[in-house]
Amino acid sequence: MAGSRIAAGDLLIPCLAAAHTDPGIHGAGSLASHRAHLAFGTGAHGCPAKETARLIVETAVDVLPHRLIEIRSGAPDTALRWQPSLWGAVPAGLPTVFRPSFPRPILPA
């Protein structure tokens, strides 16, 4: 696997956090290697609503910065506690500070 020999009985731990980050496929420095990933699967076990789910997430990510004005970290990086996991490194919490902005109501014509 990737030039490494795997012997019978060796423990392999798949890391979903690395999914779709191969620079040999996406190109070095491509956006695909630096973005969050949602895995929906394919084939018989693929998510039947993956395009709808992807659209919802894309919309949320696009709208969120406009609704959370001046969003910033609520703690220094050194204060973050990390969640132990075999699958990837994630913070146990991510404190943030922001000023909420509420959308204007749509008035009838």
PDB file of N, CA and C in Angstrom:
ATOM      1  N   MET A   1       0.854  -1.171   0.000  1.00  0.00           N
ATOM      2  CA  MET A   1       0.000   0.000   0.000  1.00  0.00           C
ATOM      3  C   MET A   1       0.901   1.235   0.000  1.00  0.00           C
ATOM      4  N   ALA A   2       0.795   2.046  -1.009  1.00  0.00           N
ATOM      5  CA  ALA A   2       1.584   3.281  -1.133  1.00  0.00           C
ATOM      6  C   ALA A   2       3.071   3.027  -0.950  1.00  0.00           C
ATOM      7  N   GLY A   3       3.540   1.880  -1.448  1.00  0.00           N
ATOM      8  CA  GLY A   3       4.960   1.558  -1.363  1.00  0.00           C
ATOM      9  C   GLY A   3       5.378   0.893  -0.068  1.00  0.00           C
ATOM     10  N   SER A   4       4.447   0.658   0.830  1.00  0.00           N
ATOM     11  CA  SER A   4       4.756  -0.005   2.102  1.00  0.00           C
ATOM     12  C   SER A   4       4.239  -1.435   2.063  1.00  0.00           C
ATOM     13  N   ARG A   5       5.013  -2.325   2.641  1.00  0.00           N
ATOM     14  CA  ARG A   5       4.607  -3.730   2.693  1.00  0.00           C
ATOM     15  C   ARG A   5       3.722  -3.950   3.922  1.00  0.00           C
ATOM     16  N   ILE A   6       2.602  -4.602   3.712  1.00  0.00           N
ATOM     17  CA  ILE A   6       1.684  -4.913   4.805  1.00  0.00           C
ATOM     18  C   ILE A   6       1.677  -6.428   4.962  1.00  0.00           C
ATOM     19  N   ALA A   7       2.100  -6.874   6.128  1.00  0.00           N
ATOM     20  CA  ALA A   7       2.165  -8.314   6.386  1.00  0.00           C
ATOM     21  C   ALA A   7       0.843  -8.807   6.962  1.00  0.00           C
ATOM     22  N   ALA A   8       0.599 -10.088   6.798  1.00  0.00           N
ATOM     23  CA  ALA A   8      -0.598 -10.697   7.383  1.00  0.00           C
ATOM     24  C   ALA A   8      -0.584 -10.444   8.880  1.00  0.00           C
ATOM     25  N   GLY A   9      -1.708  -9.999   9.413  1.00  0.00           N
ATOM     26  CA  GLY A   9      -1.814  -9.740  10.846  1.00  0.00           C
ATOM     27  C   GLY A   9      -1.482  -8.316  11.248  1.00  0.00           C
ATOM     28  N   ASP A  10      -0.935  -7.506  10.323  1.00  0.00           N
ATOM     29  CA  ASP A  10      -0.659  -6.097  10.641  1.00  0.00           C
ATOM     30  C   ASP A  10      -1.965  -5.358  10.872  1.00  0.00           C
ATOM     31  N   LEU A  11      -1.962  -4.464  11.849  1.00  0.00           N
ATOM     32  CA  LEU A  11      -3.141  -3.657  12.144  1.00  0.00           C
ATOM     33  C   LEU A  11      -3.190  -2.470  11.192  1.00  0.00           C
ATOM     34  N   LEU A  12      -4.314  -2.309  10.516  1.00  0.00           N
ATOM     35  CA  LEU A  12      -4.532  -1.158   9.648  1.00  0.00           C
ATOM     36  C   LEU A  12      -5.688  -0.357  10.215  1.00  0.00           C
ATOM     37  N   ILE A  13      -5.504   0.934  10.328  1.00  0.00           N
ATOM     38  CA  ILE A  13      -6.560   1.804  10.836  1.00  0.00           C
ATOM     39  C   ILE A  13      -6.871   2.830   9.746  1.00  0.00           C
ATOM     40  N   PRO A  14      -8.031   2.692   9.106  1.00  0.00           N
ATOM     41  CA  PRO A  14      -8.380   3.669   8.072  1.00  0.00           C
ATOM     42  C   PRO A  14      -8.666   5.028   8.697  1.00  0.00           C
ATOM     43  N   CYS A  15      -8.247   6.070   8.027  1.00  0.00           N
ATOM     44  CA  CYS A  15      -8.456   7.426   8.533  1.00  0.00           C
ATOM     45  C   CYS A  15      -9.356   8.183   7.558  1.00  0.00           C
ATOM     46  N   LEU A  16     -10.618   8.365   7.943  1.00  0.00           N
ATOM     47  CA  LEU A  16     -11.560   9.070   7.071  1.00  0.00           C
ATOM     48  C   LEU A  16     -11.187  10.533   6.893  1.00  0.00           C
ATOM     49  N   ALA A  17     -10.444  11.096   7.854  1.00  0.00           N
ATOM     50  CA  ALA A  17     -10.047  12.501   7.735  1.00  0.00           C
ATOM     51  C   ALA A  17      -9.133  12.715   6.535  1.00  0.00           C
ATOM     52  N   ALA A  18      -8.480  11.660   6.069  1.00  0.00           N
ATOM     53  CA  ALA A  18      -7.580  11.785   4.929  1.00  0.00           C
ATOM     54  C   ALA A  18      -8.296  11.587   3.595  1.00  0.00           C
ATOM     55  N   ALA A  19      -9.575  11.283   3.613  1.00  0.00           N
ATOM     56  CA  ALA A  19     -10.309  11.001   2.383  1.00  0.00           C
ATOM     57  C   ALA A  19     -10.232  12.167   1.415  1.00  0.00           C
ATOM     58  N   HIS A  20      -9.965  11.854   0.176  1.00  0.00           N
ATOM     59  CA  HIS A  20      -9.936  12.827  -0.928  1.00  0.00           C
ATOM     60  C   HIS A  20      -8.907  13.940  -0.707  1.00  0.00           C
ATOM     61  N   THR A  21      -7.766  13.627  -0.115  1.00  0.00           N
ATOM     62  CA  THR A  21      -6.726  14.635   0.088  1.00  0.00           C
ATOM     63  C   THR A  21      -5.437  14.268  -0.636  1.00  0.00           C
ATOM     64  N   ASP A  22      -5.469  13.295  -1.528  1.00  0.00           N
ATOM     65  CA  ASP A  22      -4.271  12.852  -2.228  1.00  0.00           C
ATOM     66  C   ASP A  22      -3.837  13.916  -3.239  1.00  0.00           C
ATOM     67  N   PRO A  23      -2.667  14.563  -3.014  1.00  0.00           N
ATOM     68  CA  PRO A  23      -2.226  15.595  -3.957  1.00  0.00           C
ATOM     69  C   PRO A  23      -1.913  15.028  -5.339  1.00  0.00           C
ATOM     70  N   GLY A  24      -1.674  13.723  -5.422  1.00  0.00           N
ATOM     71  CA  GLY A  24      -1.438  13.097  -6.718  1.00  0.00           C
ATOM     72  C   GLY A  24      -2.688  13.063  -7.575  1.00  0.00           C
ATOM     73  N   ILE A  25      -3.845  13.125  -6.943  1.00  0.00           N
ATOM     74  CA  ILE A  25      -5.113  13.124  -7.671  1.00  0.00           C
ATOM     75  C   ILE A  25      -5.630  14.545  -7.859  1.00  0.00           C
ATOM     76  N   HIS A  26      -5.628  15.333  -6.795  1.00  0.00           N
ATOM     77  CA  HIS A  26      -6.209  16.677  -6.829  1.00  0.00           C
ATOM     78  C   HIS A  26      -5.199  17.766  -7.180  1.00  0.00           C
ATOM     79  N   GLY A  27      -3.908  17.435  -7.168  1.00  0.00           N
ATOM     80  CA  GLY A  27      -2.882  18.430  -7.436  1.00  0.00           C
ATOM     81  C   GLY A  27      -2.423  19.088  -6.148  1.00  0.00           C
ATOM     82  N   ALA A  28      -1.144  19.333  -6.065  1.00  0.00           N
ATOM     83  CA  ALA A  28      -0.583  19.948  -4.860  1.00  0.00           C
ATOM     84  C   ALA A  28      -1.191  21.319  -4.636  1.00  0.00           C
ATOM     85  N   GLY A  29      -1.625  21.576  -3.409  1.00  0.00           N
ATOM     86  CA  GLY A  29      -2.171  22.876  -3.052  1.00  0.00           C
ATOM     87  C   GLY A  29      -3.583  23.125  -3.549  1.00  0.00           C
ATOM     88  N   SER A  30      -4.248  22.096  -4.068  1.00  0.00           N
ATOM     89  CA  SER A  30      -5.620  22.320  -4.552  1.00  0.00           C
ATOM     90  C   SER A  30      -6.559  22.538  -3.385  1.00  0.00           C
ATOM     91  N   LEU A  31      -7.690  23.159  -3.656  1.00  0.00           N
ATOM     92  CA  LEU A  31      -8.684  23.384  -2.610  1.00  0.00           C
ATOM     93  C   LEU A  31      -9.195  22.078  -2.029  1.00  0.00           C
ATOM     94  N   ALA A  32      -9.263  21.042  -2.842  1.00  0.00           N
ATOM     95  CA  ALA A  32      -9.781  19.760  -2.359  1.00  0.00           C
ATOM     96  C   ALA A  32      -8.941  19.217  -1.214  1.00  0.00           C
ATOM     97  N   SER A  33      -7.661  19.555  -1.166  1.00  0.00           N
ATOM     98  CA  SER A  33      -6.807  19.015  -0.114  1.00  0.00           C
ATOM     99  C   SER A  33      -6.883  19.840   1.162  1.00  0.00           C
ATOM    100  N   HIS A  34      -7.622  20.938   1.167  1.00  0.00           N
ATOM    101  CA  HIS A  34      -7.683  21.803   2.343  1.00  0.00           C
ATOM    102  C   HIS A  34      -9.106  22.046   2.826  1.00  0.00           C
ATOM    103  N   ARG A  35     -10.064  21.319   2.305  1.00  0.00           N
ATOM    104  CA  ARG A  35     -11.454  21.571   2.649  1.00  0.00           C
ATOM    105  C   ARG A  35     -12.021  20.430   3.478  1.00  0.00           C
ATOM    106  N   ALA A  36     -13.063  20.738   4.187  1.00  0.00           N
ATOM    107  CA  ALA A  36     -13.760  19.693   4.936  1.00  0.00           C
ATOM    108  C   ALA A  36     -14.356  18.705   3.948  1.00  0.00           C
ATOM    109  N   HIS A  37     -14.641  17.527   4.429  1.00  0.00           N
ATOM    110  CA  HIS A  37     -15.135  16.492   3.537  1.00  0.00           C
ATOM    111  C   HIS A  37     -16.367  15.830   4.137  1.00  0.00           C
ATOM    112  N   LEU A  38     -17.338  15.569   3.323  1.00  0.00           N
ATOM    113  CA  LEU A  38     -18.516  14.802   3.714  1.00  0.00           C
ATOM    114  C   LEU A  38     -18.515  13.526   2.890  1.00  0.00           C
ATOM    115  N   ALA A  39     -18.494  12.382   3.546  1.00  0.00           N
ATOM    116  CA  ALA A  39     -18.468  11.106   2.838  1.00  0.00           C
ATOM    117  C   ALA A  39     -19.880  10.541   2.775  1.00  0.00           C
ATOM    118  N   PHE A  40     -20.395  10.336   1.587  1.00  0.00           N
ATOM    119  CA  PHE A  40     -21.745   9.825   1.416  1.00  0.00           C
ATOM    120  C   PHE A  40     -21.763   8.396   0.885  1.00  0.00           C
ATOM    121  N   GLY A  41     -20.617   7.855   0.518  1.00  0.00           N
ATOM    122  CA  GLY A  41     -20.563   6.503  -0.012  1.00  0.00           C
ATOM    123  C   GLY A  41     -21.071   6.446  -1.445  1.00  0.00           C
ATOM    124  N   THR A  42     -20.887   5.275  -2.058  1.00  0.00           N
ATOM    125  CA  THR A  42     -21.335   5.076  -3.435  1.00  0.00           C
ATOM    126  C   THR A  42     -21.937   3.700  -3.571  1.00  0.00           C
ATOM    127  N   GLY A  43     -22.420   3.398  -4.737  1.00  0.00           N
ATOM    128  CA  GLY A  43     -22.968   2.074  -5.011  1.00  0.00           C
ATOM    129  C   GLY A  43     -24.259   1.834  -4.257  1.00  0.00           C
ATOM    130  N   ALA A  44     -24.501   0.561  -3.930  1.00  0.00           N
ATOM    131  CA  ALA A  44     -25.748   0.167  -3.280  1.00  0.00           C
ATOM    132  C   ALA A  44     -25.930   0.826  -1.918  1.00  0.00           C
ATOM    133  N   HIS A  45     -24.835   1.201  -1.280  1.00  0.00           N
ATOM    134  CA  HIS A  45     -24.920   1.803   0.058  1.00  0.00           C
ATOM    135  C   HIS A  45     -24.746   3.318   0.026  1.00  0.00           C
ATOM    136  N   GLY A  46     -24.801   3.912  -1.140  1.00  0.00           N
ATOM    137  CA  GLY A  46     -24.662   5.356  -1.261  1.00  0.00           C
ATOM    138  C   GLY A  46     -25.876   6.088  -0.704  1.00  0.00           C
ATOM    139  N   CYS A  47     -25.647   7.277  -0.233  1.00  0.00           N
ATOM    140  CA  CYS A  47     -26.730   8.089   0.310  1.00  0.00           C
ATOM    141  C   CYS A  47     -27.642   8.539  -0.836  1.00  0.00           C
ATOM    142  N   PRO A  48     -28.946   8.264  -0.769  1.00  0.00           N
ATOM    143  CA  PRO A  48     -29.838   8.667  -1.860  1.00  0.00           C
ATOM    144  C   PRO A  48     -30.067  10.173  -1.924  1.00  0.00           C
ATOM    145  N   ALA A  49     -29.747  10.894  -0.854  1.00  0.00           N
ATOM    146  CA  ALA A  49     -29.976  12.344  -0.826  1.00  0.00           C
ATOM    147  C   ALA A  49     -28.674  13.119  -0.758  1.00  0.00           C
ATOM    148  N   LYS A  50     -27.589  12.532  -1.275  1.00  0.00           N
ATOM    149  CA  LYS A  50     -26.292  13.198  -1.106  1.00  0.00           C
ATOM    150  C   LYS A  50     -26.223  14.557  -1.797  1.00  0.00           C
ATOM    151  N   GLU A  51     -26.857  14.709  -2.955  1.00  0.00           N
ATOM    152  CA  GLU A  51     -26.812  16.014  -3.629  1.00  0.00           C
ATOM    153  C   GLU A  51     -27.589  17.061  -2.841  1.00  0.00           C
ATOM    154  N   THR A  52     -28.724  16.673  -2.270  1.00  0.00           N
ATOM    155  CA  THR A  52     -29.503  17.590  -1.428  1.00  0.00           C
ATOM    156  C   THR A  52     -28.717  17.954  -0.178  1.00  0.00           C
ATOM    157  N   ALA A  53     -28.114  16.967   0.465  1.00  0.00           N
ATOM    158  CA  ALA A  53     -27.318  17.222   1.671  1.00  0.00           C
ATOM    159  C   ALA A  53     -26.131  18.132   1.356  1.00  0.00           C
ATOM    160  N   ARG A  54     -25.473  17.882   0.245  1.00  0.00           N
ATOM    161  CA  ARG A  54     -24.321  18.708  -0.149  1.00  0.00           C
ATOM    162  C   ARG A  54     -24.763  20.154  -0.388  1.00  0.00           C
ATOM    163  N   LEU A  55     -25.915  20.356  -1.033  1.00  0.00           N
ATOM    164  CA  LEU A  55     -26.433  21.698  -1.282  1.00  0.00           C
ATOM    165  C   LEU A  55     -26.753  22.412   0.033  1.00  0.00           C
ATOM    166  N   ILE A  56     -27.347  21.697   0.989  1.00  0.00           N
ATOM    167  CA  ILE A  56     -27.658  22.291   2.297  1.00  0.00           C
ATOM    168  C   ILE A  56     -26.377  22.732   2.998  1.00  0.00           C
ATOM    169  N   VAL A  57     -25.359  21.879   2.982  1.00  0.00           N
ATOM    170  CA  VAL A  57     -24.091  22.223   3.645  1.00  0.00           C
ATOM    171  C   VAL A  57     -23.424  23.399   2.936  1.00  0.00           C
ATOM    172  N   GLU A  58     -23.379  23.384   1.620  1.00  0.00           N
ATOM    173  CA  GLU A  58     -22.758  24.488   0.877  1.00  0.00           C
ATOM    174  C   GLU A  58     -23.467  25.805   1.171  1.00  0.00           C
ATOM    175  N   THR A  59     -24.793  25.779   1.234  1.00  0.00           N
ATOM    176  CA  THR A  59     -25.559  26.987   1.538  1.00  0.00           C
ATOM    177  C   THR A  59     -25.265  27.469   2.950  1.00  0.00           C
ATOM    178  N   ALA A  60     -25.226  26.551   3.913  1.00  0.00           N
ATOM    179  CA  ALA A  60     -24.949  26.920   5.301  1.00  0.00           C
ATOM    180  C   ALA A  60     -23.560  27.534   5.435  1.00  0.00           C
ATOM    181  N   VAL A  61     -22.577  26.939   4.781  1.00  0.00           N
ATOM    182  CA  VAL A  61     -21.209  27.458   4.866  1.00  0.00           C
ATOM    183  C   VAL A  61     -21.110  28.833   4.201  1.00  0.00           C
ATOM    184  N   ASP A  62     -21.882  29.052   3.152  1.00  0.00           N
ATOM    185  CA  ASP A  62     -21.875  30.343   2.480  1.00  0.00           C
ATOM    186  C   ASP A  62     -22.587  31.414   3.308  1.00  0.00           C
ATOM    187  N   VAL A  63     -23.694  31.072   3.970  1.00  0.00           N
ATOM    188  CA  VAL A  63     -24.504  32.032   4.712  1.00  0.00           C
ATOM    189  C   VAL A  63     -23.935  32.334   6.098  1.00  0.00           C
ATOM    190  N   LEU A  64     -23.334  31.343   6.732  1.00  0.00           N
ATOM    191  CA  LEU A  64     -22.874  31.487   8.117  1.00  0.00           C
ATOM    192  C   LEU A  64     -21.992  32.718   8.358  1.00  0.00           C
ATOM    193  N   PRO A  65     -20.984  32.980   7.550  1.00  0.00           N
ATOM    194  CA  PRO A  65     -20.155  34.167   7.823  1.00  0.00           C
ATOM    195  C   PRO A  65     -20.917  35.486   7.743  1.00  0.00           C
ATOM    196  N   HIS A  66     -22.019  35.512   6.994  1.00  0.00           N
ATOM    197  CA  HIS A  66     -22.822  36.729   6.886  1.00  0.00           C
ATOM    198  C   HIS A  66     -23.760  36.902   8.081  1.00  0.00           C
ATOM    199  N   ARG A  67     -24.070  35.811   8.765  1.00  0.00           N
ATOM    200  CA  ARG A  67     -24.968  35.858   9.912  1.00  0.00           C
ATOM    201  C   ARG A  67     -24.210  35.992  11.238  1.00  0.00           C
ATOM    202  N   LEU A  68     -22.986  35.538  11.259  1.00  0.00           N
ATOM    203  CA  LEU A  68     -22.164  35.633  12.473  1.00  0.00           C
ATOM    204  C   LEU A  68     -21.080  36.672  12.224  1.00  0.00           C
ATOM    205  N   ILE A  69     -21.435  37.910  12.462  1.00  0.00           N
ATOM    206  CA  ILE A  69     -20.546  39.030  12.167  1.00  0.00           C
ATOM    207  C   ILE A  69     -19.340  38.993  13.107  1.00  0.00           C
ATOM    208  N   GLU A  70     -18.187  39.261  12.559  1.00  0.00           N
ATOM    209  CA  GLU A  70     -16.939  39.348  13.323  1.00  0.00           C
ATOM    210  C   GLU A  70     -16.652  38.063  14.105  1.00  0.00           C
ATOM    211  N   ILE A  71     -16.914  36.897  13.520  1.00  0.00           N
ATOM    212  CA  ILE A  71     -16.641  35.632  14.199  1.00  0.00           C
ATOM    213  C   ILE A  71     -15.129  35.469  14.378  1.00  0.00           C
ATOM    214  N   ARG A  72     -14.748  35.038  15.573  1.00  0.00           N
ATOM    215  CA  ARG A  72     -13.327  34.827  15.867  1.00  0.00           C
ATOM    216  C   ARG A  72     -13.213  33.796  16.973  1.00  0.00           C
ATOM    217  N   SER A  73     -12.024  33.305  17.160  1.00  0.00           N
ATOM    218  CA  SER A  73     -11.770  32.306  18.191  1.00  0.00           C
ATOM    219  C   SER A  73     -11.979  32.920  19.566  1.00  0.00           C
ATOM    220  N   GLY A  74     -12.592  32.151  20.457  1.00  0.00           N
ATOM    221  CA  GLY A  74     -12.837  32.620  21.813  1.00  0.00           C
ATOM    222  C   GLY A  74     -11.758  32.178  22.785  1.00  0.00           C
ATOM    223  N   ALA A  75     -10.736  31.519  22.285  1.00  0.00           N
ATOM    224  CA  ALA A  75      -9.647  31.041  23.139  1.00  0.00           C
ATOM    225  C   ALA A  75      -8.388  30.910  22.295  1.00  0.00           C
ATOM    226  N   PRO A  76      -7.225  31.056  22.919  1.00  0.00           N
ATOM    227  CA  PRO A  76      -5.992  30.846  22.150  1.00  0.00           C
ATOM    228  C   PRO A  76      -5.853  29.374  21.757  1.00  0.00           C
ATOM    229  N   ASP A  77      -5.159  29.112  20.654  1.00  0.00           N
ATOM    230  CA  ASP A  77      -4.974  27.743  20.189  1.00  0.00           C
ATOM    231  C   ASP A  77      -4.409  26.839  21.274  1.00  0.00           C
ATOM    232  N   THR A  78      -3.544  27.374  22.109  1.00  0.00           N
ATOM    233  CA  THR A  78      -2.916  26.565  23.161  1.00  0.00           C
ATOM    234  C   THR A  78      -3.906  26.129  24.232  1.00  0.00           C
ATOM    235  N   ALA A  79      -5.089  26.764  24.305  1.00  0.00           N
ATOM    236  CA  ALA A  79      -6.090  26.413  25.314  1.00  0.00           C
ATOM    237  C   ALA A  79      -7.042  25.313  24.845  1.00  0.00           C
ATOM    238  N   LEU A  80      -6.985  24.954  23.556  1.00  0.00           N
ATOM    239  CA  LEU A  80      -7.892  23.935  23.034  1.00  0.00           C
ATOM    240  C   LEU A  80      -7.532  22.565  23.580  1.00  0.00           C
ATOM    241  N   ARG A  81      -8.571  21.791  23.944  1.00  0.00           N
ATOM    242  CA  ARG A  81      -8.380  20.391  24.350  1.00  0.00           C
ATOM    243  C   ARG A  81      -8.740  19.530  23.152  1.00  0.00           C
ATOM    244  N   TRP A  82      -7.920  18.518  22.874  1.00  0.00           N
ATOM    245  CA  TRP A  82      -8.134  17.680  21.706  1.00  0.00           C
ATOM    246  C   TRP A  82      -8.840  16.393  22.076  1.00  0.00           C
ATOM    247  N   GLN A  83      -9.785  15.990  21.259  1.00  0.00           N
ATOM    248  CA  GLN A  83     -10.558  14.769  21.442  1.00  0.00           C
ATOM    249  C   GLN A  83      -9.731  13.587  20.960  1.00  0.00           C
ATOM    250  N   PRO A  84      -9.464  12.620  21.831  1.00  0.00           N
ATOM    251  CA  PRO A  84      -8.720  11.446  21.342  1.00  0.00           C
ATOM    252  C   PRO A  84      -9.573  10.648  20.360  1.00  0.00           C
ATOM    253  N   SER A  85      -8.975  10.254  19.256  1.00  0.00           N
ATOM    254  CA  SER A  85      -9.708   9.534  18.237  1.00  0.00           C
ATOM    255  C   SER A  85      -8.740   8.766  17.355  1.00  0.00           C
ATOM    256  N   LEU A  86      -9.176   7.611  16.885  1.00  0.00           N
ATOM    257  CA  LEU A  86      -8.379   6.859  15.911  1.00  0.00           C
ATOM    258  C   LEU A  86      -8.558   7.403  14.502  1.00  0.00           C
ATOM    259  N   TRP A  87      -9.578   8.218  14.294  1.00  0.00           N
ATOM    260  CA  TRP A  87      -9.963   8.641  12.951  1.00  0.00           C
ATOM    261  C   TRP A  87      -9.409   9.985  12.546  1.00  0.00           C
ATOM    262  N   GLY A  88      -9.059  10.826  13.474  1.00  0.00           N
ATOM    263  CA  GLY A  88      -8.528  12.141  13.125  1.00  0.00           C
ATOM    264  C   GLY A  88      -8.411  12.987  14.376  1.00  0.00           C
ATOM    265  N   ALA A  89      -7.712  14.078  14.282  1.00  0.00           N
ATOM    266  CA  ALA A  89      -7.548  14.990  15.421  1.00  0.00           C
ATOM    267  C   ALA A  89      -8.615  16.068  15.342  1.00  0.00           C
ATOM    268  N   VAL A  90      -9.451  16.141  16.367  1.00  0.00           N
ATOM    269  CA  VAL A  90     -10.496  17.154  16.415  1.00  0.00           C
ATOM    270  C   VAL A  90     -10.531  17.777  17.804  1.00  0.00           C
ATOM    271  N   PRO A  91     -10.811  19.068  17.883  1.00  0.00           N
ATOM    272  CA  PRO A  91     -10.912  19.679  19.211  1.00  0.00           C
ATOM    273  C   PRO A  91     -12.168  19.194  19.932  1.00  0.00           C
ATOM    274  N   ALA A  92     -12.082  19.057  21.263  1.00  0.00           N
ATOM    275  CA  ALA A  92     -13.237  18.648  22.068  1.00  0.00           C
ATOM    276  C   ALA A  92     -14.293  19.748  22.058  1.00  0.00           C
ATOM    277  N   GLY A  93     -13.896  20.978  21.849  1.00  0.00           N
ATOM    278  CA  GLY A  93     -14.800  22.114  21.757  1.00  0.00           C
ATOM    279  C   GLY A  93     -14.101  23.219  20.995  1.00  0.00           C
ATOM    280  N   LEU A  94     -14.854  24.117  20.433  1.00  0.00           N
ATOM    281  CA  LEU A  94     -14.269  25.216  19.676  1.00  0.00           C
ATOM    282  C   LEU A  94     -14.965  26.513  20.080  1.00  0.00           C
ATOM    283  N   PRO A  95     -14.476  27.149  21.164  1.00  0.00           N
ATOM    284  CA  PRO A  95     -15.127  28.383  21.617  1.00  0.00           C
ATOM    285  C   PRO A  95     -14.992  29.494  20.574  1.00  0.00           C
ATOM    286  N   THR A  96     -16.079  30.187  20.340  1.00  0.00           N
ATOM    287  CA  THR A  96     -16.081  31.295  19.381  1.00  0.00           C
ATOM    288  C   THR A  96     -16.806  32.498  19.973  1.00  0.00           C
ATOM    289  N   VAL A  97     -16.492  33.650  19.442  1.00  0.00           N
ATOM    290  CA  VAL A  97     -17.134  34.899  19.828  1.00  0.00           C
ATOM    291  C   VAL A  97     -17.627  35.548  18.540  1.00  0.00           C
ATOM    292  N   PHE A  98     -18.872  36.019  18.544  1.00  0.00           N
ATOM    293  CA  PHE A  98     -19.407  36.669  17.359  1.00  0.00           C
ATOM    294  C   PHE A  98     -20.567  37.567  17.752  1.00  0.00           C
ATOM    295  N   ARG A  99     -20.904  38.461  16.841  1.00  0.00           N
ATOM    296  CA  ARG A  99     -22.072  39.316  17.001  1.00  0.00           C
ATOM    297  C   ARG A  99     -23.115  38.814  16.009  1.00  0.00           C
ATOM    298  N   PRO A 100     -24.222  38.262  16.499  1.00  0.00           N
ATOM    299  CA  PRO A 100     -25.216  37.715  15.568  1.00  0.00           C
ATOM    300  C   PRO A 100     -25.894  38.811  14.753  1.00  0.00           C
ATOM    301  N   SER A 101     -26.264  38.468  13.563  1.00  0.00           N
ATOM    302  CA  SER A 101     -27.015  39.355  12.686  1.00  0.00           C
ATOM    303  C   SER A 101     -28.256  38.596  12.250  1.00  0.00           C
ATOM    304  N   PHE A 102     -29.393  39.209  12.383  1.00  0.00           N
ATOM    305  CA  PHE A 102     -30.637  38.536  12.038  1.00  0.00           C
ATOM    306  C   PHE A 102     -31.136  39.049  10.696  1.00  0.00           C
ATOM    307  N   PRO A 103     -31.630  38.146   9.851  1.00  0.00           N
ATOM    308  CA  PRO A 103     -32.104  38.592   8.523  1.00  0.00           C
ATOM    309  C   PRO A 103     -33.312  39.506   8.661  1.00  0.00           C
ATOM    310  N   ARG A 104     -33.412  40.457   7.737  1.00  0.00           N
ATOM    311  CA  ARG A 104     -34.564  41.355   7.731  1.00  0.00           C
ATOM    312  C   ARG A 104     -35.798  40.591   7.284  1.00  0.00           C
ATOM    313  N   PRO A 105     -36.928  40.813   7.919  1.00  0.00           N
ATOM    314  CA  PRO A 105     -38.139  40.124   7.478  1.00  0.00           C
ATOM    315  C   PRO A 105     -38.555  40.606   6.092  1.00  0.00           C
ATOM    316  N   ILE A 106     -39.126  39.700   5.334  1.00  0.00           N
ATOM    317  CA  ILE A 106     -39.627  40.049   3.990  1.00  0.00           C
ATOM    318  C   ILE A 106     -41.032  40.609   4.173  1.00  0.00           C
ATOM    319  N   LEU A 107     -41.199  41.842   3.741  1.00  0.00           N
ATOM    320  CA  LEU A 107     -42.485  42.514   3.892  1.00  0.00           C
ATOM    321  C   LEU A 107     -43.352  42.253   2.649  1.00  0.00           C
ATOM    322  N   PRO A 108     -44.653  42.050   2.851  1.00  0.00           N
ATOM    323  CA  PRO A 108     -45.526  41.837   1.677  1.00  0.00           C
ATOM    324  C   PRO A 108     -45.578  43.094   0.808  1.00  0.00           C
ATOM    325  N   ALA A 109     -45.726  42.882  -0.462  1.00  0.00           N
ATOM    326  CA  ALA A 109     -45.756  44.005  -1.419  1.00  0.00           C
ATOM    327  C   ALA A 109     -47.060  44.751  -1.356  1.00  0.00           C
TER     328      ALA A 109
END
